[in-house]
Protein backbone atom coordinates (compact mmCIF):
# COMPACT_ATOMS: atom_id res chain seq x y z
CA MET A 1 -22.86 2.95 8.52
CA LEU A 2 -21.23 -0.31 9.74
CA GLN A 3 -23.47 -3.32 10.17
CA ALA A 4 -22.07 -6.30 12.07
CA ILE A 5 -23.08 -9.64 10.55
CA GLY A 6 -20.96 -12.01 12.60
CA THR A 7 -17.82 -12.25 14.75
CA ILE A 8 -14.89 -14.67 14.64
CA PRO A 9 -13.14 -14.77 18.05
CA SER A 10 -9.39 -14.13 18.22
CA THR A 11 -6.76 -13.63 20.90
CA LYS A 12 -6.47 -9.88 21.63
CA VAL A 13 -7.39 -9.01 18.03
CA SER A 14 -11.05 -9.01 17.01
CA VAL A 15 -11.98 -10.14 13.49
CA SER A 16 -15.59 -9.38 12.51
CA GLN A 17 -17.51 -9.67 9.27
CA PHE A 18 -19.75 -6.76 8.34
CA VAL A 19 -21.13 -4.63 5.51
CA TYR A 20 -18.98 -1.60 4.66
CA ARG A 21 -20.21 1.23 2.42
CA GLY A 22 -22.43 -1.21 0.52
CA TRP A 23 -19.81 -3.99 0.12
CA GLN A 24 -20.83 -7.34 1.54
CA ASP A 25 -18.68 -9.80 3.52
CA CYS A 26 -16.02 -7.30 4.56
CA TYR A 27 -13.75 -7.73 7.57
CA LEU A 28 -13.14 -5.32 10.45
CA LEU A 29 -9.92 -5.98 12.38
CA GLY A 30 -9.40 -4.27 15.73
CA ASN A 31 -6.93 -4.44 18.60
CA GLY A 32 -8.34 -1.69 20.82
CA SER A 33 -6.12 1.09 19.46
CA ILE A 34 -6.42 0.76 15.66
CA GLU A 35 -8.79 -0.77 13.12
CA ALA A 36 -8.32 -2.07 9.57
CA ILE A 37 -11.04 -2.76 7.00
CA VAL A 38 -10.60 -5.41 4.30
CA VAL A 39 -12.93 -5.62 1.27
CA PRO A 40 -12.29 -8.95 -0.54
CA SER A 41 -14.79 -8.26 -3.34
CA ILE A 42 -12.47 -5.55 -4.73
CA GLY A 43 -9.20 -7.02 -3.40
CA ARG A 44 -8.34 -4.10 -1.12
CA VAL A 45 -7.40 -3.20 2.40
CA MET A 46 -9.69 -0.18 2.26
CA GLN A 47 -8.98 1.56 5.54
CA LEU A 48 -6.57 1.93 8.46
CA ARG A 49 -7.69 4.17 11.31
CA LEU A 50 -7.42 4.92 14.98
CA ALA A 51 -10.20 3.22 16.93
CA GLY A 52 -13.24 5.47 16.93
CA ASP A 53 -12.06 7.58 13.98
CA GLY A 54 -14.74 7.34 11.32
CA ARG A 55 -12.70 9.01 8.59
CA GLY A 56 -9.41 7.08 8.70
CA THR A 57 -6.09 7.64 6.93
CA PHE A 58 -6.48 5.73 3.65
CA TRP A 59 -8.04 7.55 0.71
CA GLU A 60 -11.33 6.07 -0.50
CA ASN A 61 -13.04 7.03 -3.72
CA ARG A 62 -16.48 7.60 -2.20
CA ALA A 63 -18.04 7.95 -5.68
CA LEU A 64 -17.50 4.17 -6.02
CA ASP A 65 -19.04 3.05 -2.72
CA GLY A 66 -20.42 -0.48 -3.02
CA GLN A 67 -19.44 -0.87 -6.67
CA LEU A 68 -17.56 -3.86 -8.07
CA HIS A 69 -15.11 -4.35 -10.89
CA GLY A 70 -16.88 -4.84 -14.20
CA PRO A 71 -15.64 -7.05 -17.04
CA VAL A 72 -11.88 -6.70 -17.51
CA SER A 73 -11.30 -3.85 -19.95
CA ASN A 74 -8.97 -0.97 -20.71
CA ASP A 75 -10.65 1.09 -17.99
CA TRP A 76 -9.04 1.17 -14.55
CA VAL A 77 -11.31 1.56 -11.53
CA ASN A 78 -9.57 3.54 -8.77
CA PHE A 79 -11.26 2.52 -5.53
CA GLY A 80 -8.48 3.70 -3.20
CA GLY A 81 -7.07 1.74 -0.25
CA ASP A 82 -4.07 -0.63 -0.36
CA LYS A 83 -3.31 -3.18 -3.10
CA CYS A 84 -0.38 -4.84 -4.88
CA TRP A 85 0.87 -5.00 -8.45
CA PRO A 86 3.72 -6.90 -10.15
CA ALA A 87 6.90 -4.87 -10.60
CA PRO A 88 8.22 -3.47 -12.81
CA GLN A 89 5.38 -1.72 -14.60
CA SER A 90 7.57 -1.44 -17.69
CA ALA A 91 7.22 -5.23 -18.19
CA TRP A 92 3.41 -5.31 -18.21
CA LYS A 93 3.11 -4.94 -21.98
CA GLN A 94 5.52 -7.85 -22.52
CA HIS A 95 3.40 -10.13 -20.32
CA GLN A 96 -0.18 -9.04 -21.01
CA GLY A 97 0.05 -7.28 -24.38
CA HIS A 98 -0.75 -3.79 -23.09
CA ASP A 99 0.85 -1.41 -20.60
CA TRP A 100 -2.35 -0.35 -18.84
CA PRO A 101 -4.45 -1.22 -16.87
CA PRO A 102 -2.64 -3.49 -14.36
CA PRO A 103 -2.76 -7.29 -14.74
CA ALA A 104 -6.29 -8.40 -13.90
CA ALA A 105 -5.90 -10.83 -11.00
CA PHE A 106 -3.63 -8.43 -9.15
CA ASP A 107 -6.10 -5.55 -9.32
CA SER A 108 -9.38 -6.10 -11.14
CA LEU A 109 -10.87 -9.30 -9.73
CA PRO A 110 -12.33 -10.26 -6.35
CA MET A 111 -10.22 -12.26 -3.89
CA GLU A 112 -11.17 -15.14 -1.63
CA ALA A 113 -10.82 -14.41 2.08
CA ARG A 114 -10.59 -16.38 5.31
CA ALA A 115 -10.12 -15.21 8.86
CA CYS A 116 -6.89 -16.07 10.68
CA GLU A 117 -5.87 -15.56 14.31
CA ARG A 118 -5.08 -11.85 14.05
CA GLY A 119 -6.54 -10.90 10.71
CA VAL A 120 -7.47 -12.06 7.21
CA VAL A 121 -5.77 -13.98 4.40
CA LEU A 122 -6.66 -12.84 0.86
CA ALA A 123 -6.05 -15.09 -2.15
CA SER A 124 -6.43 -13.98 -5.75
CA SER A 125 -7.27 -16.03 -8.79
CA ILE A 126 -4.29 -16.96 -10.97
CA ASP A 127 -3.33 -14.08 -13.21
CA PRO A 128 -3.32 -15.38 -16.82
CA SER A 129 -0.50 -13.12 -18.00
CA TYR A 130 1.96 -13.92 -15.20
CA GLY A 131 0.73 -17.37 -14.10
CA VAL A 132 0.93 -16.01 -10.54
CA GLN A 133 -1.45 -16.13 -7.59
CA VAL A 134 -1.31 -13.36 -4.98
CA VAL A 135 -1.72 -14.26 -1.29
CA ARG A 136 -1.82 -11.42 1.25
CA ARG A 137 -1.87 -12.01 5.00
CA VAL A 138 -3.25 -8.89 6.73
CA GLU A 139 -2.78 -8.87 10.51
CA LEU A 140 -2.87 -6.47 13.44
CA ASP A 141 -0.33 -6.63 16.24
CA ALA A 142 -1.93 -7.85 19.46
CA ALA A 143 -0.48 -4.99 21.54
CA LEU A 144 0.89 -2.27 19.26
CA PRO A 145 -0.89 0.12 16.81
CA VAL A 146 0.62 -1.82 13.91
CA MET A 147 -0.74 -3.59 10.81
CA ARG A 148 1.48 -6.04 8.92
CA ILE A 149 0.81 -7.22 5.38
CA ARG A 150 2.86 -10.11 4.04
CA THR A 151 2.38 -10.36 0.27
CA GLU A 152 3.34 -13.56 -1.54
CA TYR A 153 3.47 -14.18 -5.30
CA ARG A 154 3.10 -17.90 -6.10
CA LYS A 155 4.06 -19.10 -9.58
CA VAL A 156 1.43 -21.65 -10.66
CA TYR A 157 1.95 -22.18 -14.39
CA GLY A 158 3.86 -20.91 -17.44
CA ASN A 159 7.46 -19.97 -18.04
CA ALA A 160 9.65 -18.51 -15.33
CA VAL A 161 9.00 -14.81 -14.96
CA PRO A 162 11.06 -12.04 -13.33
CA VAL A 163 8.86 -10.10 -10.94
CA GLY A 164 8.94 -8.11 -7.72
CA VAL A 165 6.34 -7.45 -5.02
CA TRP A 166 4.97 -3.90 -5.28
CA SER A 167 2.58 -2.62 -2.62
CA ILE A 168 0.64 0.61 -3.21
CA THR A 169 -1.14 2.49 -0.42
CA GLN A 170 -3.38 5.46 -1.25
CA LEU A 171 -3.71 7.94 1.60
CA ARG A 172 -5.65 11.16 2.06
CA ASP A 173 -4.17 14.54 1.20
CA PRO A 174 -1.36 15.01 3.77
CA GLU A 175 0.25 18.00 5.42
CA ARG A 176 3.53 16.45 4.22
CA VAL A 177 5.08 13.13 3.23
CA PHE A 178 8.54 12.17 4.48
CA VAL A 179 11.09 9.56 3.34
CA LEU A 180 13.97 8.45 5.54
CA LEU A 181 16.89 8.22 3.11
CA GLY A 182 19.78 5.83 3.59
CA ALA A 183 22.89 7.00 5.39
CA LYS A 184 24.83 6.85 2.12
CA PRO A 185 22.33 6.99 -0.77
CA SER A 186 23.74 6.07 -4.18
CA LEU A 187 21.03 7.89 -6.16
CA ALA A 188 22.21 11.31 -7.31
CA GLY A 189 20.49 13.92 -5.19
CA GLY A 190 18.90 11.20 -3.06
CA TYR A 191 15.96 10.42 -5.37
CA LEU A 192 14.83 9.71 -8.95
CA ARG A 193 12.16 11.89 -10.52
CA GLN A 194 9.80 9.54 -12.38
CA MET A 195 7.41 12.10 -13.85
CA GLU A 196 8.07 15.43 -15.51
CA ALA A 197 6.65 17.67 -12.77
CA GLU A 198 8.53 18.15 -9.51
CA PRO A 199 6.56 17.38 -6.32
CA ALA A 200 5.35 20.45 -4.46
CA GLY A 201 7.72 21.78 -1.81
CA LEU A 202 10.28 19.00 -2.22
CA ARG A 203 13.27 19.44 0.07
CA ILE A 204 15.98 17.35 1.71
CA ASP A 205 17.12 18.09 5.25
CA GLY A 206 19.86 15.67 6.20
CA ARG A 207 18.36 12.19 5.81
CA LEU A 208 14.78 13.45 5.59
CA LEU A 209 13.25 14.04 2.16
CA SER A 210 9.82 15.66 2.29
CA LEU A 211 7.19 16.88 -0.13
CA ALA A 212 3.54 17.91 -0.43
CA ARG A 213 0.82 16.99 -2.91
CA HIS A 214 0.87 19.10 -6.07
CA PRO A 215 -2.70 20.34 -6.68
CA HIS A 216 -2.36 20.62 -10.47
CA GLU A 217 0.22 18.03 -11.63
CA SER A 218 0.83 14.29 -11.26
CA THR A 219 4.23 13.75 -9.65
CA LYS A 220 6.29 10.73 -8.66
CA ILE A 221 9.73 10.09 -7.18
CA GLY A 222 11.62 6.96 -6.15
CA THR A 223 14.22 6.47 -3.41
CA GLU A 224 16.37 3.82 -1.77
CA GLY A 225 14.90 4.65 1.64
CA ARG A 226 12.89 1.92 3.37
CA SER A 227 10.73 4.10 5.65
CA LEU A 228 7.90 6.46 4.63
CA LEU A 229 5.78 8.74 6.80
CA TRP A 230 2.39 10.25 5.96
CA VAL A 231 1.58 13.21 8.21
CA GLY A 232 -2.08 14.18 8.49
CA LYS A 233 -3.69 16.79 10.70
CA GLN A 234 -4.51 14.43 13.57
CA CYS A 235 -2.35 11.35 13.05
CA MET A 236 0.54 9.81 11.12
CA VAL A 237 1.15 6.55 9.26
CA ARG A 238 4.67 5.15 9.07
CA ILE A 239 5.27 2.50 6.41
CA ASP A 240 8.38 0.32 6.61
CA ALA A 241 9.45 -1.98 3.78
CA GLU A 242 11.24 -5.28 4.29
CA THR A 243 14.54 -5.06 2.42
CA GLY A 244 17.20 -7.51 1.32
CA PRO A 245 19.77 -8.17 -1.40
CA GLY A 246 18.90 -8.11 -5.06
CA GLU A 247 18.13 -5.86 -8.02
CA TYR A 248 15.33 -3.42 -7.26
CA PRO A 249 12.94 -2.11 -9.96
CA ASP A 250 12.80 1.37 -11.48
CA GLY A 251 16.51 2.10 -11.25
CA GLY A 252 17.02 0.67 -7.77
CA CYS A 253 14.00 2.07 -5.92
CA VAL A 254 12.81 0.55 -2.63
CA THR A 255 10.10 3.17 -2.03
CA GLU A 256 8.17 5.53 -4.29
CA VAL A 257 5.77 8.42 -3.69
CA TYR A 258 3.10 9.47 -6.19
CA THR A 259 0.89 12.54 -5.73
CA SER A 260 -2.42 12.94 -7.54
CA PRO A 261 -3.72 16.32 -8.73
CA ASP A 262 -7.18 17.69 -8.00
CA PRO A 263 -9.95 16.61 -7.95
CA LEU A 264 -8.66 13.23 -6.64
CA ALA A 265 -6.70 14.55 -3.67
CA TYR A 266 -4.57 11.61 -2.55
CA VAL A 267 -0.99 10.40 -2.40
CA GLU A 268 0.45 6.93 -2.94
CA LEU A 269 3.15 5.55 -0.67
CA GLU A 270 4.66 2.53 -2.39
CA THR A 271 7.16 -0.19 -1.42
CA LEU A 272 9.01 -2.51 -3.78
CA GLY A 273 10.86 -5.78 -3.31
CA PRO A 274 13.82 -7.01 -5.37
CA LEU A 275 13.20 -8.73 -8.69
CA ALA A 276 13.38 -12.52 -8.80
CA SER A 277 12.79 -15.04 -11.58
CA ILE A 278 10.28 -17.55 -10.22
CA ALA A 279 9.43 -20.88 -11.85
CA VAL A 280 6.39 -23.10 -11.30
CA GLY A 281 6.21 -24.12 -7.65
CA GLU A 282 8.34 -21.20 -6.47
CA SER A 283 7.28 -18.01 -4.76
CA ILE A 284 8.54 -14.68 -3.46
CA GLU A 285 7.19 -12.68 -0.54
CA ARG A 286 7.69 -9.33 1.13
CA ALA A 287 6.34 -7.75 4.30
CA THR A 288 5.22 -4.17 4.82
CA VAL A 289 4.60 -2.74 8.30
CA TYR A 290 2.13 0.11 8.89
CA SER A 291 2.38 1.98 12.23
CA LEU A 292 -0.43 4.40 13.08
CA MET A 293 0.10 7.08 15.72
CA PRO A 294 -1.46 10.39 16.81
CA ARG A 295 0.22 13.71 16.12
CA LEU A 296 2.06 15.08 19.16
CA LEU A 297 3.68 18.21 17.73
CA SER A 298 2.18 21.03 15.65
CA ASP A 299 5.17 21.18 13.28
CA PRO A 300 5.10 18.25 10.81
CA ASP A 301 8.88 18.41 10.36
CA ALA A 302 9.42 18.11 14.10
CA ASP A 303 6.98 15.23 14.34
CA ALA A 304 8.75 13.49 11.43
CA ARG A 305 12.15 13.90 13.10
CA ARG A 306 10.67 12.46 16.28
CA VAL A 307 9.22 9.40 14.53
CA LEU A 308 11.85 8.67 11.86
CA LEU A 309 15.03 9.89 13.58
CA GLN A 310 14.00 9.43 17.24
CA VAL A 311 14.79 13.09 17.89
CA PRO A 312 12.97 14.26 21.09
């Protein structure tokens, strides 16, 4: 149950502090059509939902309600929601001495938070392995059902390090997930398989790649497409990645989709920015746009064509 503990006025977007599922000092952002929930104590945007929808679209590990990260260890705590990691994952061992779990300040430590005009700014501690501080500006559009997250990696100390911004959003088990491929994709077959198992029901129809969650296997693919669409029973979430020139991680991937097997029934929709070598005093940043809309058509493929291809 939500408990309001204070309100910070804003123009057309409300920003309120409250207790959420046992976590203190959380933020509820609302613009009349959608709501976002930010939990600084675990460094997550935990929920995105239509106003009045108690369940929401992001997957939350309800077994961990109100819990916090313990001492940094080899155990990874999967809370759900939206977070960011440094790309590529293949470089983690070089920087931190082990390839799992993710670097601590990106994922396993609380973040400071302050309200801004249309949302919240999160700031991490400085990660000791990368010498980087993460700053995420989470805002709602004043008029549209849209959340924007601008993620910045600031190099504070240490040698220059090549890194890319990698945003990971965990969403509930979908009817289907769609990727809008580029008009002329250079990846053979349109995608790269990144795990042994093939995603369930994977198919490509023109520029639309789609798949479902595999109930028994972990699966992951990467693409050069910049737009993803999660289709649930009642609503859809479109995620658009800011793109630009440069070398992208994982063989040139701009977006990736991971599906988790039972009993953790979720999918990850991921966006990646190009790699850049940043020295002390330099930074890189990337924006991701989340558009939330109700389902209008019973056929998920038809709804995806409508949203991603503007087909009536």
